[in-house]
Amino acid sequence: MEASMRNIPVDISSLTFVCVSPPRPKLVSQETGEVKVDRDGKPVFTVGLSVADASGGWSC
């Protein structure tokens, strides 16, 4: 069964995003090292992000 993804509108115009970790391939299985791919067969990557609002408050 395929999970459906929901789109939730969020106004990001007043937010600042900072990448805090380098991209790394998303694994299907850590045991085999198999890398997840999208519908077009391209590898999927994961990155760490932090976000700050207009007051400077940071969140991970």
PDB file of N, CA and C in Angstrom:
ATOM      1  N   MET A   1       0.850  -1.176   0.000  1.00  0.00           N
ATOM      2  CA  MET A   1       0.000   0.000   0.000  1.00  0.00           C
ATOM      3  C   MET A   1       0.896   1.240   0.000  1.00  0.00           C
ATOM      4  N   GLU A   2       0.625   2.161  -0.905  1.00  0.00           N
ATOM      5  CA  GLU A   2       1.416   3.376  -1.016  1.00  0.00           C
ATOM      6  C   GLU A   2       0.827   4.465  -0.131  1.00  0.00           C
ATOM      7  N   ALA A   3       1.687   5.118   0.648  1.00  0.00           N
ATOM      8  CA  ALA A   3       1.230   6.201   1.509  1.00  0.00           C
ATOM      9  C   ALA A   3       1.006   7.443   0.667  1.00  0.00           C
ATOM     10  N   SER A   4      -0.061   8.173   0.955  1.00  0.00           N
ATOM     11  CA  SER A   4      -0.300   9.416   0.232  1.00  0.00           C
ATOM     12  C   SER A   4       0.319  10.574   1.002  1.00  0.00           C
ATOM     13  N   MET A   5       0.833  11.533   0.256  1.00  0.00           N
ATOM     14  CA  MET A   5       1.474  12.678   0.866  1.00  0.00           C
ATOM     15  C   MET A   5       0.498  13.845   0.858  1.00  0.00           C
ATOM     16  N   ARG A   6       0.400  14.553   1.971  1.00  0.00           N
ATOM     17  CA  ARG A   6      -0.488  15.708   2.062  1.00  0.00           C
ATOM     18  C   ARG A   6       0.302  16.974   1.819  1.00  0.00           C
ATOM     19  N   ASN A   7      -0.317  17.924   1.153  1.00  0.00           N
ATOM     20  CA  ASN A   7       0.275  19.241   0.966  1.00  0.00           C
ATOM     21  C   ASN A   7      -0.388  20.199   1.937  1.00  0.00           C
ATOM     22  N   ILE A   8       0.408  20.788   2.802  1.00  0.00           N
ATOM     23  CA  ILE A   8      -0.094  21.758   3.766  1.00  0.00           C
ATOM     24  C   ILE A   8       0.548  23.092   3.433  1.00  0.00           C
ATOM     25  N   PRO A   9      -0.257  24.085   3.006  1.00  0.00           N
ATOM     26  CA  PRO A   9       0.327  25.375   2.639  1.00  0.00           C
ATOM     27  C   PRO A   9       0.956  26.076   3.847  1.00  0.00           C
ATOM     28  N   VAL A  10       2.197  26.514   3.677  1.00  0.00           N
ATOM     29  CA  VAL A  10       2.918  27.223   4.730  1.00  0.00           C
ATOM     30  C   VAL A  10       3.592  28.440   4.092  1.00  0.00           C
ATOM     31  N   ASP A  11       3.395  29.601   4.687  1.00  0.00           N
ATOM     32  CA  ASP A  11       4.034  30.814   4.188  1.00  0.00           C
ATOM     33  C   ASP A  11       5.467  30.845   4.707  1.00  0.00           C
ATOM     34  N   ILE A  12       6.422  30.621   3.833  1.00  0.00           N
ATOM     35  CA  ILE A  12       7.829  30.575   4.237  1.00  0.00           C
ATOM     36  C   ILE A  12       8.560  31.878   3.910  1.00  0.00           C
ATOM     37  N   SER A  13       7.821  32.904   3.464  1.00  0.00           N
ATOM     38  CA  SER A  13       8.461  34.143   3.030  1.00  0.00           C
ATOM     39  C   SER A  13       9.226  34.848   4.148  1.00  0.00           C
ATOM     40  N   SER A  14       8.863  34.623   5.395  1.00  0.00           N
ATOM     41  CA  SER A  14       9.558  35.293   6.502  1.00  0.00           C
ATOM     42  C   SER A  14      10.516  34.346   7.236  1.00  0.00           C
ATOM     43  N   LEU A  15      10.805  33.201   6.647  1.00  0.00           N
ATOM     44  CA  LEU A  15      11.693  32.225   7.268  1.00  0.00           C
ATOM     45  C   LEU A  15      13.021  32.154   6.519  1.00  0.00           C
ATOM     46  N   THR A  16      14.078  31.847   7.255  1.00  0.00           N
ATOM     47  CA  THR A  16      15.396  31.645   6.664  1.00  0.00           C
ATOM     48  C   THR A  16      15.819  30.213   6.938  1.00  0.00           C
ATOM     49  N   PHE A  17      16.211  29.507   5.888  1.00  0.00           N
ATOM     50  CA  PHE A  17      16.638  28.122   6.011  1.00  0.00           C
ATOM     51  C   PHE A  17      18.150  28.033   5.859  1.00  0.00           C
ATOM     52  N   VAL A  18      18.784  27.212   6.703  1.00  0.00           N
ATOM     53  CA  VAL A  18      20.227  27.003   6.649  1.00  0.00           C
ATOM     54  C   VAL A  18      20.483  25.500   6.646  1.00  0.00           C
ATOM     55  N   CYS A  19      21.278  25.056   5.681  1.00  0.00           N
ATOM     56  CA  CYS A  19      21.661  23.654   5.623  1.00  0.00           C
ATOM     57  C   CYS A  19      22.747  23.423   6.670  1.00  0.00           C
ATOM     58  N   VAL A  20      22.513  22.482   7.597  1.00  0.00           N
ATOM     59  CA  VAL A  20      23.445  22.261   8.710  1.00  0.00           C
ATOM     60  C   VAL A  20      24.186  20.927   8.633  1.00  0.00           C
ATOM     61  N   SER A  21      23.888  20.148   7.611  1.00  0.00           N
ATOM     62  CA  SER A  21      24.649  18.916   7.392  1.00  0.00           C
ATOM     63  C   SER A  21      24.705  18.649   5.897  1.00  0.00           C
ATOM     64  N   PRO A  22      25.779  18.042   5.438  1.00  0.00           N
ATOM     65  CA  PRO A  22      25.926  17.799   4.001  1.00  0.00           C
ATOM     66  C   PRO A  22      24.915  16.774   3.502  1.00  0.00           C
ATOM     67  N   PRO A  23      24.567  16.856   2.212  1.00  0.00           N
ATOM     68  CA  PRO A  23      23.649  15.858   1.658  1.00  0.00           C
ATOM     69  C   PRO A  23      24.264  14.466   1.702  1.00  0.00           C
ATOM     70  N   ARG A  24      23.419  13.477   1.981  1.00  0.00           N
ATOM     71  CA  ARG A  24      23.875  12.089   1.963  1.00  0.00           C
ATOM     72  C   ARG A  24      22.749  11.249   1.368  1.00  0.00           C
ATOM     73  N   PRO A  25      23.092  10.203   0.665  1.00  0.00           N
ATOM     74  CA  PRO A  25      22.056   9.372   0.040  1.00  0.00           C
ATOM     75  C   PRO A  25      21.129   8.765   1.090  1.00  0.00           C
ATOM     76  N   LYS A  26      19.831   8.768   0.789  1.00  0.00           N
ATOM     77  CA  LYS A  26      18.857   8.115   1.665  1.00  0.00           C
ATOM     78  C   LYS A  26      18.895   6.622   1.360  1.00  0.00           C
ATOM     79  N   LEU A  27      19.055   5.826   2.393  1.00  0.00           N
ATOM     80  CA  LEU A  27      19.177   4.382   2.213  1.00  0.00           C
ATOM     81  C   LEU A  27      17.838   3.684   2.375  1.00  0.00           C
ATOM     82  N   VAL A  28      17.610   2.690   1.532  1.00  0.00           N
ATOM     83  CA  VAL A  28      16.453   1.809   1.677  1.00  0.00           C
ATOM     84  C   VAL A  28      16.746   0.825   2.810  1.00  0.00           C
ATOM     85  N   SER A  29      17.990   0.337   2.845  1.00  0.00           N
ATOM     86  CA  SER A  29      18.412  -0.624   3.861  1.00  0.00           C
ATOM     87  C   SER A  29      19.856  -0.325   4.258  1.00  0.00           C
ATOM     88  N   GLN A  30      20.086  -0.138   5.550  1.00  0.00           N
ATOM     89  CA  GLN A  30      21.454   0.071   6.017  1.00  0.00           C
ATOM     90  C   GLN A  30      22.273  -1.210   5.900  1.00  0.00           C
ATOM     91  N   GLU A  31      21.598  -2.334   5.967  1.00  0.00           N
ATOM     92  CA  GLU A  31      22.305  -3.618   5.869  1.00  0.00           C
ATOM     93  C   GLU A  31      22.916  -3.830   4.489  1.00  0.00           C
ATOM     94  N   THR A  32      22.146  -3.481   3.443  1.00  0.00           N
ATOM     95  CA  THR A  32      22.624  -3.712   2.078  1.00  0.00           C
ATOM     96  C   THR A  32      23.278  -2.482   1.465  1.00  0.00           C
ATOM     97  N   GLY A  33      23.005  -1.295   2.030  1.00  0.00           N
ATOM     98  CA  GLY A  33      23.531  -0.055   1.463  1.00  0.00           C
ATOM     99  C   GLY A  33      22.763   0.412   0.242  1.00  0.00           C
ATOM    100  N   GLU A  34      21.613  -0.226  -0.030  1.00  0.00           N
ATOM    101  CA  GLU A  34      20.810   0.152  -1.195  1.00  0.00           C
ATOM    102  C   GLU A  34      20.295   1.582  -1.041  1.00  0.00           C
ATOM    103  N   VAL A  35      20.498   2.402  -2.082  1.00  0.00           N
ATOM    104  CA  VAL A  35      20.106   3.812  -2.066  1.00  0.00           C
ATOM    105  C   VAL A  35      18.695   3.949  -2.646  1.00  0.00           C
ATOM    106  N   LYS A  36      17.866   4.740  -1.963  1.00  0.00           N
ATOM    107  CA  LYS A  36      16.508   5.006  -2.433  1.00  0.00           C
ATOM    108  C   LYS A  36      16.576   5.848  -3.701  1.00  0.00           C
ATOM    109  N   VAL A  37      15.673   5.568  -4.650  1.00  0.00           N
ATOM    110  CA  VAL A  37      15.601   6.343  -5.887  1.00  0.00           C
ATOM    111  C   VAL A  37      14.175   6.849  -6.088  1.00  0.00           C
ATOM    112  N   ASP A  38      14.056   7.949  -6.852  1.00  0.00           N
ATOM    113  CA  ASP A  38      12.732   8.492  -7.150  1.00  0.00           C
ATOM    114  C   ASP A  38      12.134   7.779  -8.360  1.00  0.00           C
ATOM    115  N   ARG A  39      10.995   8.265  -8.841  1.00  0.00           N
ATOM    116  CA  ARG A  39      10.296   7.628  -9.958  1.00  0.00           C
ATOM    117  C   ARG A  39      11.128   7.590 -11.233  1.00  0.00           C
ATOM    118  N   ASP A  40      12.050   8.553 -11.356  1.00  0.00           N
ATOM    119  CA  ASP A  40      12.891   8.627 -12.550  1.00  0.00           C
ATOM    120  C   ASP A  40      14.196   7.863 -12.392  1.00  0.00           C
ATOM    121  N   GLY A  41      14.368   7.184 -11.253  1.00  0.00           N
ATOM    122  CA  GLY A  41      15.578   6.408 -11.024  1.00  0.00           C
ATOM    123  C   GLY A  41      16.747   7.213 -10.484  1.00  0.00           C
ATOM    124  N   LYS A  42      16.495   8.479 -10.118  1.00  0.00           N
ATOM    125  CA  LYS A  42      17.559   9.326  -9.566  1.00  0.00           C
ATOM    126  C   LYS A  42      17.647   9.118  -8.058  1.00  0.00           C
ATOM    127  N   PRO A  43      18.863   9.140  -7.493  1.00  0.00           N
ATOM    128  CA  PRO A  43      19.014   8.922  -6.047  1.00  0.00           C
ATOM    129  C   PRO A  43      18.366  10.035  -5.227  1.00  0.00           C
ATOM    130  N   VAL A  44      17.818   9.659  -4.075  1.00  0.00           N
ATOM    131  CA  VAL A  44      17.191  10.600  -3.141  1.00  0.00           C
ATOM    132  C   VAL A  44      18.204  10.907  -2.054  1.00  0.00           C
ATOM    133  N   PHE A  45      18.349  12.191  -1.708  1.00  0.00           N
ATOM    134  CA  PHE A  45      19.303  12.614  -0.694  1.00  0.00           C
ATOM    135  C   PHE A  45      18.588  13.223   0.504  1.00  0.00           C
ATOM    136  N   THR A  46      19.253  13.175   1.649  1.00  0.00           N
ATOM    137  CA  THR A  46      18.773  13.769   2.887  1.00  0.00           C
ATOM    138  C   THR A  46      19.753  14.854   3.306  1.00  0.00           C
ATOM    139  N   VAL A  47      19.219  15.991   3.789  1.00  0.00           N
ATOM    140  CA  VAL A  47      20.062  17.051   4.339  1.00  0.00           C
ATOM    141  C   VAL A  47      19.461  17.499   5.664  1.00  0.00           C
ATOM    142  N   GLY A  48      20.293  18.058   6.533  1.00  0.00           N
ATOM    143  CA  GLY A  48      19.805  18.627   7.783  1.00  0.00           C
ATOM    144  C   GLY A  48      19.549  20.105   7.590  1.00  0.00           C
ATOM    145  N   LEU A  49      18.381  20.580   8.028  1.00  0.00           N
ATOM    146  CA  LEU A  49      18.026  21.986   7.903  1.00  0.00           C
ATOM    147  C   LEU A  49      17.671  22.572   9.252  1.00  0.00           C
ATOM    148  N   SER A  50      17.997  23.849   9.415  1.00  0.00           N
ATOM    149  CA  SER A  50      17.495  24.636  10.534  1.00  0.00           C
ATOM    150  C   SER A  50      16.742  25.807   9.941  1.00  0.00           C
ATOM    151  N   VAL A  51      15.776  26.309  10.674  1.00  0.00           N
ATOM    152  CA  VAL A  51      14.977  27.427  10.174  1.00  0.00           C
ATOM    153  C   VAL A  51      14.874  28.498  11.252  1.00  0.00           C
ATOM    154  N   ALA A  52      14.957  29.755  10.831  1.00  0.00           N
ATOM    155  CA  ALA A  52      14.815  30.881  11.747  1.00  0.00           C
ATOM    156  C   ALA A  52      13.618  31.708  11.305  1.00  0.00           C
ATOM    157  N   ASP A  53      12.857  32.207  12.290  1.00  0.00           N
ATOM    158  CA  ASP A  53      11.755  33.103  11.959  1.00  0.00           C
ATOM    159  C   ASP A  53      12.248  34.550  12.026  1.00  0.00           C
ATOM    160  N   ALA A  54      11.356  35.510  11.832  1.00  0.00           N
ATOM    161  CA  ALA A  54      11.738  36.920  11.789  1.00  0.00           C
ATOM    162  C   ALA A  54      12.360  37.404  13.093  1.00  0.00           C
ATOM    163  N   SER A  55      12.035  36.780  14.222  1.00  0.00           N
ATOM    164  CA  SER A  55      12.585  37.203  15.514  1.00  0.00           C
ATOM    165  C   SER A  55      13.953  36.603  15.753  1.00  0.00           C
ATOM    166  N   GLY A  56      14.413  35.740  14.858  1.00  0.00           N
ATOM    167  CA  GLY A  56      15.715  35.113  15.024  1.00  0.00           C
ATOM    168  C   GLY A  56      15.661  33.798  15.765  1.00  0.00           C
ATOM    169  N   GLY A  57      14.478  33.344  16.144  1.00  0.00           N
ATOM    170  CA  GLY A  57      14.341  32.067  16.828  1.00  0.00           C
ATOM    171  C   GLY A  57      14.635  30.932  15.892  1.00  0.00           C
ATOM    172  N   TRP A  58      15.503  30.010  16.313  1.00  0.00           N
ATOM    173  CA  TRP A  58      15.909  28.883  15.475  1.00  0.00           C
ATOM    174  C   TRP A  58      15.211  27.618  15.911  1.00  0.00           C
ATOM    175  N   SER A  59      14.992  26.745  14.965  1.00  0.00           N
ATOM    176  CA  SER A  59      14.397  25.446  15.237  1.00  0.00           C
ATOM    177  C   SER A  59      15.051  24.418  14.320  1.00  0.00           C
ATOM    178  N   CYS A  60      15.108  23.171  14.781  1.00  0.00           N
ATOM    179  CA  CYS A  60      15.640  22.093  13.931  1.00  0.00           C
ATOM    180  C   CYS A  60      14.542  21.141  13.568  1.00  0.00           C
TER     181      CYS A  60
END
